[in-house]
Amino acid sequence: MKILFIFSIVILPLFAQALINGSAAETEEYVPVVFMRTEAVEKDGSSAPSFCNATFLSDRLLITAAHCVVQSIALRKTEIIIDIGEYVYNKKNGNRIGYLVREKVTDPKATFKVLDSVENRLARKGVNTDLGLTDDIALIYLSTPVKVEKPVLTFAQKASRSQAGAFISRINQYLPEIVTVNPIAEMSTSDTRRRAVLNQVSTSGYGSNVHLESKSTARVEPGDSGAPLFMRESGKLFLVGITKGRGETFFTNWDVYTWIGDKACEIGAKLPLSNDEKGTLCH
C-alpha cells in the first residue's frame, strides 16, 4: 500500500479512523468521490498496490493526486480498480447502516496523465519520481464510460481565477471541506465515506505555485491521498484542491493540499475530452 509521508515517517495507530474528526458524507453531491487501486512497487521491486481517492468529473474522467499514479505510468501498467459506493439505510426505521460498495469497476486500459514537469521527471527517474507540493495532480481517463449518479460535472466546477483569489484571501471564512473514502478504516467505522470542515488553513506560494496547509481539527489518514478539497459559496460546491498527505517535522505536523488552479486544464489538453469536460477543467 502506498502511503505518502512528505518529510518524515510517523507511527500511526493500527486502527486509525480515516479522516479524524470527520462525519458521514451522506448527501448525493459526494457520490463522485471514490476509492481506487493502481499498480505500484516497493523499493525491492515487489508489487504494492496504491490505495487512493479520486473524484469523477464526468462518466469517464477522474481527478486524483499524481503520486497515486506515477509508478503505474513508469511501469506502463495502467489498470485501475474503482469502488463506487453508497450509504445504506434500514428500511424499517431509516437509520444509517453504513457505506457499502455498490459497484467495482476494473479498467485495464485507463489513461493516466500528469503535468509536463512530472512527465519529464518520470523519463529520468521512473518509479522513483518525486512530487512537489504544487504538482501533485493527475487525471485518469477511462477507456469505457461508467455510470455515476452525480458526477462533479453537473454540480461543481473548478473555481475561476477571481473566485480562487477570493477564496485564498478569505480561506478560513469559506471553511473548505474535504471528502474521503477509506475502507482501510472499516475496522473502526462503517461510515467509510466521510467529510470534514477545515477550520485552520493557510496558503503558501503565489500564482500557480499555491498550496494549502491545514492544521485543522480534522486530519487526513493513510489512504486519504487524492481526495478532493471543496469550497462552498452561495450554496454551490467548487472543487479547488487535491489531498497530498501529511507533512511533518520533528516539532509539528500538518496536512497538505495541492491547489488545482489551471493545472487540471493543462493536463486535460493531452486527453480526448468532450466540450463539457473541457469546460469543467478550464472554466
C-alpha atoms as a PDB file:
ATOM      1  CA  MET A   1       0.000   0.000   0.000  1.00  0.00           C
ATOM      2  CA  LYS A   2       1.408   3.382  -0.993  1.00  0.00           C
ATOM      3  CA  ILE A   3       1.134   5.974   1.762  1.00  0.00           C
ATOM      4  CA  LEU A   4       2.579   9.471   1.462  1.00  0.00           C
ATOM      5  CA  PHE A   5       4.903  10.852   4.116  1.00  0.00           C
ATOM      6  CA  ILE A   6       6.235  14.194   2.986  1.00  0.00           C
ATOM      7  CA  PHE A   7       9.016  14.904   5.446  1.00  0.00           C
ATOM      8  CA  SER A   8       9.277  12.074   7.929  1.00  0.00           C
ATOM      9  CA  ILE A   9       7.747   8.764   8.874  1.00  0.00           C
ATOM     10  CA  VAL A  10       5.059   8.810  11.530  1.00  0.00           C
ATOM     11  CA  ILE A  11       3.773   5.923  13.637  1.00  0.00           C
ATOM     12  CA  LEU A  12       0.003   5.664  13.267  1.00  0.00           C
ATOM     13  CA  PRO A  13      -2.314   3.533  15.388  1.00  0.00           C
ATOM     14  CA  LEU A  14      -3.293   0.239  13.768  1.00  0.00           C
ATOM     15  CA  PHE A  15      -6.994   1.014  13.949  1.00  0.00           C
ATOM     16  CA  ALA A  16      -6.739   4.650  12.900  1.00  0.00           C
ATOM     17  CA  GLN A  17     -10.034   6.162  11.817  1.00  0.00           C
ATOM     18  CA  ALA A  18      -9.991   7.717   8.371  1.00  0.00           C
ATOM     19  CA  LEU A  19     -10.335  11.475   8.296  1.00  0.00           C
ATOM     20  CA  ILE A  20     -10.017  12.122  12.016  1.00  0.00           C
ATOM     21  CA  ASN A  21     -12.901  14.228  13.375  1.00  0.00           C
ATOM     22  CA  GLY A  22     -14.934  13.758  10.214  1.00  0.00           C
ATOM     23  CA  SER A  23     -18.576  12.728   9.851  1.00  0.00           C
ATOM     24  CA  ALA A  24     -20.553  10.602   7.406  1.00  0.00           C
ATOM     25  CA  ALA A  25     -20.668  12.150   3.909  1.00  0.00           C
ATOM     26  CA  GLU A  26     -24.195  11.028   3.111  1.00  0.00           C
ATOM     27  CA  THR A  27     -25.559  13.510   0.573  1.00  0.00           C
ATOM     28  CA  GLU A  28     -25.660  12.761  -3.163  1.00  0.00           C
ATOM     29  CA  GLU A  29     -23.205  15.510  -4.041  1.00  0.00           C
ATOM     30  CA  TYR A  30     -20.405  13.376  -2.546  1.00  0.00           C
ATOM     31  CA  VAL A  31     -21.203  10.246  -4.604  1.00  0.00           C
ATOM     32  CA  PRO A  32     -18.460  11.021  -7.201  1.00  0.00           C
ATOM     33  CA  VAL A  33     -15.729  10.629  -4.538  1.00  0.00           C
ATOM     34  CA  VAL A  34     -14.423   7.060  -4.846  1.00  0.00           C
ATOM     35  CA  PHE A  35     -11.700   4.718  -3.624  1.00  0.00           C
ATOM     36  CA  MET A  36      -9.260   3.326  -6.186  1.00  0.00           C
ATOM     37  CA  ARG A  37      -6.341   0.950  -6.589  1.00  0.00           C
ATOM     38  CA  THR A  38      -3.490   1.234  -9.081  1.00  0.00           C
ATOM     39  CA  GLU A  39      -0.208  -0.609  -9.581  1.00  0.00           C
ATOM     40  CA  ALA A  40       2.912   0.404  -7.649  1.00  0.00           C
ATOM     41  CA  VAL A  41       6.085  -1.184  -6.306  1.00  0.00           C
ATOM     42  CA  GLU A  42       8.106  -1.282  -3.113  1.00  0.00           C
ATOM     43  CA  LYS A  43      11.813  -0.360  -3.045  1.00  0.00           C
ATOM     44  CA  ASP A  44      12.722  -4.013  -3.534  1.00  0.00           C
ATOM     45  CA  GLY A  45      10.634  -4.165  -6.701  1.00  0.00           C
ATOM     46  CA  SER A  46       7.775  -6.195  -5.236  1.00  0.00           C
ATOM     47  CA  SER A  47       4.188  -5.321  -6.112  1.00  0.00           C
ATOM     48  CA  ALA A  48       2.428  -2.934  -3.722  1.00  0.00           C
ATOM     49  CA  PRO A  49      -0.964  -1.634  -4.876  1.00  0.00           C
ATOM     50  CA  SER A  50      -1.511   2.078  -4.379  1.00  0.00           C
ATOM     51  CA  PHE A  51      -4.711   2.881  -2.438  1.00  0.00           C
ATOM     52  CA  CYS A  52      -6.028   6.389  -3.037  1.00  0.00           C
ATOM     53  CA  ASN A  53      -9.102   8.552  -3.555  1.00  0.00           C
ATOM     54  CA  ALA A  54     -10.332  10.059  -6.812  1.00  0.00           C
ATOM     55  CA  THR A  55     -13.304  12.154  -7.924  1.00  0.00           C
ATOM     56  CA  PHE A  56     -15.427  11.607 -11.036  1.00  0.00           C
ATOM     57  CA  LEU A  57     -15.617  14.776 -13.131  1.00  0.00           C
ATOM     58  CA  SER A  58     -17.663  13.003 -15.802  1.00  0.00           C
ATOM     59  CA  ASP A  59     -18.602   9.412 -16.598  1.00  0.00           C
ATOM     60  CA  ARG A  60     -15.013   8.627 -17.657  1.00  0.00           C
ATOM     61  CA  LEU A  61     -12.802  11.390 -16.270  1.00  0.00           C
ATOM     62  CA  LEU A  62     -11.416  11.428 -12.720  1.00  0.00           C
ATOM     63  CA  ILE A  63      -9.039  13.680 -10.832  1.00  0.00           C
ATOM     64  CA  THR A  64      -6.611  12.466  -8.149  1.00  0.00           C
ATOM     65  CA  ALA A  65      -3.100  13.017  -6.785  1.00  0.00           C
ATOM     66  CA  ALA A  66      -0.193  12.387  -9.153  1.00  0.00           C
ATOM     67  CA  HIS A  67       1.713  10.369  -6.563  1.00  0.00           C
ATOM     68  CA  CYS A  68      -1.127   7.825  -6.740  1.00  0.00           C
ATOM     69  CA  VAL A  69      -0.364   7.013 -10.400  1.00  0.00           C
ATOM     70  CA  VAL A  70       3.243   7.961 -11.264  1.00  0.00           C
ATOM     71  CA  GLN A  71       4.559   4.473 -10.556  1.00  0.00           C
ATOM     72  CA  SER A  72       1.828   2.954 -12.710  1.00  0.00           C
ATOM     73  CA  ILE A  73       2.870   5.277 -15.527  1.00  0.00           C
ATOM     74  CA  ALA A  74       6.524   4.329 -15.078  1.00  0.00           C
ATOM     75  CA  LEU A  75       5.652   0.617 -15.041  1.00  0.00           C
ATOM     76  CA  ARG A  76       3.288   1.054 -18.025  1.00  0.00           C
ATOM     77  CA  LYS A  77       0.594  -0.724 -16.051  1.00  0.00           C
ATOM     78  CA  THR A  78      -2.467   1.477 -16.191  1.00  0.00           C
ATOM     79  CA  GLU A  79      -5.100  -0.869 -14.829  1.00  0.00           C
ATOM     80  CA  ILE A  80      -7.341   0.773 -12.266  1.00  0.00           C
ATOM     81  CA  ILE A  81      -9.906  -0.706  -9.881  1.00  0.00           C
ATOM     82  CA  ILE A  82     -12.565   1.688  -8.609  1.00  0.00           C
ATOM     83  CA  ASP A  83     -15.024   1.128  -5.764  1.00  0.00           C
ATOM     84  CA  ILE A  84     -18.238   3.100  -6.269  1.00  0.00           C
ATOM     85  CA  GLY A  85     -20.285   3.040  -3.092  1.00  0.00           C
ATOM     86  CA  GLU A  86     -23.343   4.390  -1.374  1.00  0.00           C
ATOM     87  CA  TYR A  87     -24.798   4.737   2.104  1.00  0.00           C
ATOM     88  CA  VAL A  88     -27.377   2.123   3.035  1.00  0.00           C
ATOM     89  CA  TYR A  89     -30.288   2.648   5.432  1.00  0.00           C
ATOM     90  CA  ASN A  90     -32.573   0.426   7.451  1.00  0.00           C
ATOM     91  CA  LYS A  91     -35.889   0.235   5.556  1.00  0.00           C
ATOM     92  CA  LYS A  92     -37.913  -0.026   8.751  1.00  0.00           C
ATOM     93  CA  ASN A  93     -36.563   2.858  10.803  1.00  0.00           C
ATOM     94  CA  GLY A  94     -34.454   4.810   8.292  1.00  0.00           C
ATOM     95  CA  ASN A  95     -31.298   4.592  10.417  1.00  0.00           C
ATOM     96  CA  ARG A  96     -27.982   4.599   8.592  1.00  0.00           C
ATOM     97  CA  ILE A  97     -26.433   1.130   8.396  1.00  0.00           C
ATOM     98  CA  GLY A  98     -23.170   2.093   6.735  1.00  0.00           C
ATOM     99  CA  TYR A  99     -21.332   2.678   3.482  1.00  0.00           C
ATOM    100  CA  LEU A 100     -21.159  -0.250   1.050  1.00  0.00           C
ATOM    101  CA  VAL A 101     -19.532  -0.783  -2.346  1.00  0.00           C
ATOM    102  CA  ARG A 102     -22.316  -0.702  -4.953  1.00  0.00           C
ATOM    103  CA  GLU A 103     -20.126  -1.407  -7.978  1.00  0.00           C
ATOM    104  CA  LYS A 104     -16.496  -2.423  -8.506  1.00  0.00           C
ATOM    105  CA  VAL A 105     -15.146  -1.159 -11.817  1.00  0.00           C
ATOM    106  CA  THR A 106     -11.967  -2.572 -13.370  1.00  0.00           C
ATOM    107  CA  ASP A 107     -10.437  -0.817 -16.358  1.00  0.00           C
ATOM    108  CA  PRO A 108      -7.227  -2.443 -17.679  1.00  0.00           C
ATOM    109  CA  LYS A 109      -6.662   0.294 -20.268  1.00  0.00           C
ATOM    110  CA  ALA A 110      -7.140   3.546 -18.381  1.00  0.00           C
ATOM    111  CA  THR A 111      -5.020   6.571 -19.325  1.00  0.00           C
ATOM    112  CA  PHE A 112      -3.113   8.420 -16.598  1.00  0.00           C
ATOM    113  CA  LYS A 113      -1.926  11.965 -17.317  1.00  0.00           C
ATOM    114  CA  VAL A 114       0.189  14.352 -15.233  1.00  0.00           C
ATOM    115  CA  LEU A 115       1.815  17.752 -15.742  1.00  0.00           C
ATOM    116  CA  ASP A 116       4.642  18.055 -18.295  1.00  0.00           C
ATOM    117  CA  SER A 117       7.099  18.804 -15.494  1.00  0.00           C
ATOM    118  CA  VAL A 118       6.200  15.489 -13.839  1.00  0.00           C
ATOM    119  CA  GLU A 119       6.437  13.600 -17.133  1.00  0.00           C
ATOM    120  CA  ASN A 120       9.967  14.959 -17.604  1.00  0.00           C
ATOM    121  CA  ARG A 121      10.946  13.645 -14.163  1.00  0.00           C
ATOM    122  CA  LEU A 122       9.291  10.311 -14.949  1.00  0.00           C
ATOM    123  CA  ALA A 123      11.511   9.966 -18.020  1.00  0.00           C
ATOM    124  CA  ARG A 124      14.593  10.378 -15.811  1.00  0.00           C
ATOM    125  CA  LYS A 125      13.603   8.735 -12.526  1.00  0.00           C
ATOM    126  CA  GLY A 126      10.929   6.184 -13.372  1.00  0.00           C
ATOM    127  CA  VAL A 127       9.276   4.639 -10.311  1.00  0.00           C
ATOM    128  CA  ASN A 128      11.399   6.875  -8.062  1.00  0.00           C
ATOM    129  CA  THR A 129       9.826  10.077  -9.389  1.00  0.00           C
ATOM    130  CA  ASP A 130       9.207  12.602  -6.634  1.00  0.00           C
ATOM    131  CA  LEU A 131       6.297  15.037  -6.438  1.00  0.00           C
ATOM    132  CA  GLY A 132       6.349  18.576  -5.095  1.00  0.00           C
ATOM    133  CA  LEU A 133       3.692  20.436  -3.158  1.00  0.00           C
ATOM    134  CA  THR A 134       2.234  22.136  -6.247  1.00  0.00           C
ATOM    135  CA  ASP A 135       2.386  19.469  -8.995  1.00  0.00           C
ATOM    136  CA  ASP A 136       0.684  16.546  -7.260  1.00  0.00           C
ATOM    137  CA  ILE A 137      -2.347  16.404  -9.581  1.00  0.00           C
ATOM    138  CA  ALA A 138      -3.312  13.783 -12.162  1.00  0.00           C
ATOM    139  CA  LEU A 139      -6.237  12.999 -14.450  1.00  0.00           C
ATOM    140  CA  ILE A 140      -7.493   9.496 -15.191  1.00  0.00           C
ATOM    141  CA  TYR A 141      -9.387   8.847 -18.426  1.00  0.00           C
ATOM    142  CA  LEU A 142     -11.287   5.556 -18.520  1.00  0.00           C
ATOM    143  CA  SER A 143     -11.470   3.508 -21.706  1.00  0.00           C
ATOM    144  CA  THR A 144     -15.181   2.884 -21.087  1.00  0.00           C
ATOM    145  CA  PRO A 145     -17.725   5.267 -19.505  1.00  0.00           C
ATOM    146  CA  VAL A 146     -19.046   4.413 -16.049  1.00  0.00           C
ATOM    147  CA  LYS A 147     -22.487   5.336 -14.772  1.00  0.00           C
ATOM    148  CA  VAL A 148     -22.072   7.796 -11.920  1.00  0.00           C
ATOM    149  CA  GLU A 149     -25.211   9.197 -10.329  1.00  0.00           C
ATOM    150  CA  LYS A 150     -23.946  12.760  -9.970  1.00  0.00           C
ATOM    151  CA  PRO A 151     -20.516  13.412 -11.476  1.00  0.00           C
ATOM    152  CA  VAL A 152     -18.929  16.666 -10.414  1.00  0.00           C
ATOM    153  CA  LEU A 153     -19.531  17.925 -13.944  1.00  0.00           C
ATOM    154  CA  THR A 154     -23.176  18.523 -13.018  1.00  0.00           C
ATOM    155  CA  PHE A 155     -22.739  20.464  -9.799  1.00  0.00           C
ATOM    156  CA  ALA A 156     -19.179  21.609  -9.135  1.00  0.00           C
ATOM    157  CA  GLN A 157     -16.574  23.267 -11.292  1.00  0.00           C
ATOM    158  CA  LYS A 158     -13.050  24.388 -10.709  1.00  0.00           C
ATOM    159  CA  ALA A 159     -13.061  27.829  -9.146  1.00  0.00           C
ATOM    160  CA  SER A 160     -12.370  30.617 -11.636  1.00  0.00           C
ATOM    161  CA  ARG A 161      -9.404  32.931 -11.178  1.00  0.00           C
ATOM    162  CA  SER A 162     -11.468  35.576  -9.387  1.00  0.00           C
ATOM    163  CA  GLN A 163     -13.124  33.000  -7.164  1.00  0.00           C
ATOM    164  CA  ALA A 164      -9.742  31.442  -6.447  1.00  0.00           C
ATOM    165  CA  GLY A 165      -8.321  34.806  -5.425  1.00  0.00           C
ATOM    166  CA  ALA A 166     -11.262  35.483  -3.141  1.00  0.00           C
ATOM    167  CA  PHE A 167     -11.055  32.013  -1.674  1.00  0.00           C
ATOM    168  CA  ILE A 168      -7.352  32.237  -0.947  1.00  0.00           C
ATOM    169  CA  SER A 169      -7.668  35.672   0.643  1.00  0.00           C
ATOM    170  CA  ARG A 170     -10.565  34.567   2.853  1.00  0.00           C
ATOM    171  CA  ILE A 171      -9.871  30.886   3.061  1.00  0.00           C
ATOM    172  CA  ASN A 172     -10.919  30.318   6.659  1.00  0.00           C
ATOM    173  CA  GLN A 173     -14.133  32.252   6.143  1.00  0.00           C
ATOM    174  CA  TYR A 174     -15.136  29.819   3.385  1.00  0.00           C
ATOM    175  CA  LEU A 175     -14.305  26.841   5.630  1.00  0.00           C
ATOM    176  CA  PRO A 176     -13.152  24.406   2.928  1.00  0.00           C
ATOM    177  CA  GLU A 177     -14.232  20.792   3.285  1.00  0.00           C
ATOM    178  CA  ILE A 178     -12.514  17.522   2.473  1.00  0.00           C
ATOM    179  CA  VAL A 179     -14.346  14.327   1.489  1.00  0.00           C
ATOM    180  CA  THR A 180     -12.637  10.924   1.576  1.00  0.00           C
ATOM    181  CA  VAL A 181     -13.487   7.257   1.074  1.00  0.00           C
ATOM    182  CA  ASN A 182     -11.282   4.993   3.131  1.00  0.00           C
ATOM    183  CA  PRO A 183     -12.200   1.297   3.530  1.00  0.00           C
ATOM    184  CA  ILE A 184      -8.938   0.832   5.426  1.00  0.00           C
ATOM    185  CA  ALA A 185     -10.876   2.242   8.381  1.00  0.00           C
ATOM    186  CA  GLU A 186     -13.713  -0.297   8.192  1.00  0.00           C
ATOM    187  CA  MET A 187     -12.493  -1.900  11.399  1.00  0.00           C
ATOM    188  CA  SER A 188     -13.266   1.247  13.337  1.00  0.00           C
ATOM    189  CA  THR A 189     -16.255   2.742  11.490  1.00  0.00           C
ATOM    190  CA  SER A 190     -18.900   1.781   8.959  1.00  0.00           C
ATOM    191  CA  ASP A 191     -19.066   5.418   7.786  1.00  0.00           C
ATOM    192  CA  THR A 192     -16.382   4.825   5.186  1.00  0.00           C
ATOM    193  CA  ARG A 193     -17.137   7.938   3.118  1.00  0.00           C
ATOM    194  CA  ARG A 194     -16.533  10.897   5.373  1.00  0.00           C
ATOM    195  CA  ARG A 195     -16.390  14.677   5.210  1.00  0.00           C
ATOM    196  CA  ALA A 196     -14.882  17.307   7.444  1.00  0.00           C
ATOM    197  CA  VAL A 197     -14.701  21.080   7.505  1.00  0.00           C
ATOM    198  CA  LEU A 198     -11.209  22.531   7.813  1.00  0.00           C
ATOM    199  CA  ASN A 199     -11.091  25.302  10.388  1.00  0.00           C
ATOM    200  CA  GLN A 200      -7.414  26.314  10.269  1.00  0.00           C
ATOM    201  CA  VAL A 201      -5.966  26.605   6.765  1.00  0.00           C
ATOM    202  CA  SER A 202      -3.164  28.777   5.428  1.00  0.00           C
ATOM    203  CA  THR A 203      -1.667  29.231   1.955  1.00  0.00           C
ATOM    204  CA  SER A 204       1.897  29.234   0.718  1.00  0.00           C
ATOM    205  CA  GLY A 205       3.317  30.309  -2.641  1.00  0.00           C
ATOM    206  CA  TYR A 206       1.947  32.534  -5.388  1.00  0.00           C
ATOM    207  CA  GLY A 207       0.089  32.147  -8.682  1.00  0.00           C
ATOM    208  CA  SER A 208       0.180  28.580  -9.990  1.00  0.00           C
ATOM    209  CA  ASN A 209       2.522  27.556  -7.175  1.00  0.00           C
ATOM    210  CA  VAL A 210      -0.010  27.938  -4.378  1.00  0.00           C
ATOM    211  CA  HIS A 211      -0.589  25.066  -1.994  1.00  0.00           C
ATOM    212  CA  LEU A 212      -2.682  24.833   1.152  1.00  0.00           C
ATOM    213  CA  GLU A 213      -1.552  23.806   4.608  1.00  0.00           C
ATOM    214  CA  SER A 214      -4.037  22.688   7.242  1.00  0.00           C
ATOM    215  CA  LYS A 215      -3.631  22.367  10.991  1.00  0.00           C
ATOM    216  CA  SER A 216      -7.358  21.943  11.451  1.00  0.00           C
ATOM    217  CA  THR A 217      -9.184  19.753  13.930  1.00  0.00           C
ATOM    218  CA  ALA A 218      -9.872  17.299  11.086  1.00  0.00           C
ATOM    219  CA  ARG A 219      -6.816  15.375   9.878  1.00  0.00           C
ATOM    220  CA  VAL A 220      -6.155  13.052   6.947  1.00  0.00           C
ATOM    221  CA  GLU A 221      -5.004   9.470   7.345  1.00  0.00           C
ATOM    222  CA  PRO A 222      -3.211   6.925   5.122  1.00  0.00           C
ATOM    223  CA  GLY A 223      -5.481   6.113   2.196  1.00  0.00           C
ATOM    224  CA  ASP A 224      -6.960   9.628   2.013  1.00  0.00           C
ATOM    225  CA  SER A 225      -4.469  10.807  -0.637  1.00  0.00           C
ATOM    226  CA  GLY A 226      -6.087  12.120  -3.806  1.00  0.00           C
ATOM    227  CA  ALA A 227      -9.290  13.141  -2.006  1.00  0.00           C
ATOM    228  CA  PRO A 228     -10.994  16.357  -3.173  1.00  0.00           C
ATOM    229  CA  LEU A 229     -10.959  19.651  -1.314  1.00  0.00           C
ATOM    230  CA  PHE A 230     -14.135  21.648  -1.864  1.00  0.00           C
ATOM    231  CA  MET A 231     -15.205  25.173  -1.085  1.00  0.00           C
ATOM    232  CA  ARG A 232     -18.845  26.158  -0.823  1.00  0.00           C
ATOM    233  CA  GLU A 233     -20.078  29.597  -1.801  1.00  0.00           C
ATOM    234  CA  SER A 234     -23.744  30.648  -2.114  1.00  0.00           C
ATOM    235  CA  GLY A 235     -24.754  27.017  -1.820  1.00  0.00           C
ATOM    236  CA  LYS A 236     -22.577  25.891  -4.734  1.00  0.00           C
ATOM    237  CA  LEU A 237     -19.714  23.450  -4.385  1.00  0.00           C
ATOM    238  CA  PHE A 238     -16.377  24.158  -6.081  1.00  0.00           C
ATOM    239  CA  LEU A 239     -13.545  21.657  -6.433  1.00  0.00           C
ATOM    240  CA  VAL A 240     -10.385  23.595  -5.573  1.00  0.00           C
ATOM    241  CA  GLY A 241      -7.716  21.219  -4.295  1.00  0.00           C
ATOM    242  CA  ILE A 242      -6.389  17.663  -4.062  1.00  0.00           C
ATOM    243  CA  THR A 243      -5.137  15.973  -0.898  1.00  0.00           C
ATOM    244  CA  LYS A 244      -1.400  15.335  -0.973  1.00  0.00           C
ATOM    245  CA  GLY A 245      -0.940  13.958   2.523  1.00  0.00           C
ATOM    246  CA  ARG A 246       0.605  14.820   5.848  1.00  0.00           C
ATOM    247  CA  GLY A 247       3.770  16.890   6.135  1.00  0.00           C
ATOM    248  CA  GLU A 248       5.862  16.670   9.277  1.00  0.00           C
ATOM    249  CA  THR A 249       8.917  17.901  11.069  1.00  0.00           C
ATOM    250  CA  PHE A 250      10.255  16.829  14.450  1.00  0.00           C
ATOM    251  CA  PHE A 251       8.237  19.568  16.167  1.00  0.00           C
ATOM    252  CA  THR A 252       4.912  19.702  14.323  1.00  0.00           C
ATOM    253  CA  ASN A 253       2.785  18.247  11.528  1.00  0.00           C
ATOM    254  CA  TRP A 254       0.113  19.455   9.131  1.00  0.00           C
ATOM    255  CA  ASP A 255      -1.938  18.325   6.114  1.00  0.00           C
ATOM    256  CA  VAL A 256      -1.044  19.484   2.602  1.00  0.00           C
ATOM    257  CA  TYR A 257      -3.401  20.124  -0.333  1.00  0.00           C
ATOM    258  CA  THR A 258      -2.357  20.963  -3.889  1.00  0.00           C
ATOM    259  CA  TRP A 259      -4.294  23.902  -5.361  1.00  0.00           C
ATOM    260  CA  ILE A 260      -5.815  22.906  -8.728  1.00  0.00           C
ATOM    261  CA  GLY A 261      -5.816  26.328 -10.392  1.00  0.00           C
ATOM    262  CA  ASP A 262      -5.111  25.924 -14.114  1.00  0.00           C
ATOM    263  CA  LYS A 263      -3.196  22.659 -13.722  1.00  0.00           C
ATOM    264  CA  ALA A 264      -6.117  20.338 -14.472  1.00  0.00           C
ATOM    265  CA  CYS A 265      -6.842  22.321 -17.650  1.00  0.00           C
ATOM    266  CA  GLU A 266      -3.208  21.951 -18.709  1.00  0.00           C
ATOM    267  CA  ILE A 267      -3.266  18.196 -18.128  1.00  0.00           C
ATOM    268  CA  GLY A 268      -6.637  17.811 -19.834  1.00  0.00           C
ATOM    269  CA  ALA A 269      -5.236  19.226 -23.072  1.00  0.00           C
ATOM    270  CA  LYS A 270      -3.495  15.851 -23.522  1.00  0.00           C
ATOM    271  CA  LEU A 271      -6.766  13.892 -23.429  1.00  0.00           C
ATOM    272  CA  PRO A 272      -9.625  13.445 -25.967  1.00  0.00           C
ATOM    273  CA  LEU A 273     -12.139  15.263 -23.778  1.00  0.00           C
ATOM    274  CA  SER A 274     -15.641  16.334 -24.647  1.00  0.00           C
ATOM    275  CA  ASN A 275     -16.520  20.031 -24.691  1.00  0.00           C
ATOM    276  CA  ASP A 276     -18.348  19.643 -21.371  1.00  0.00           C
ATOM    277  CA  GLU A 277     -15.295  18.011 -19.789  1.00  0.00           C
ATOM    278  CA  LYS A 278     -13.040  20.763 -21.125  1.00  0.00           C
ATOM    279  CA  GLY A 279     -15.456  23.328 -19.723  1.00  0.00           C
ATOM    280  CA  THR A 280     -15.265  21.718 -16.290  1.00  0.00           C
ATOM    281  CA  LEU A 281     -11.470  21.735 -16.246  1.00  0.00           C
ATOM    282  CA  CYS A 282     -10.913  25.098 -17.909  1.00  0.00           C
ATOM    283  CA  HIS A 283     -13.841  27.166 -16.566  1.00  0.00           C
END
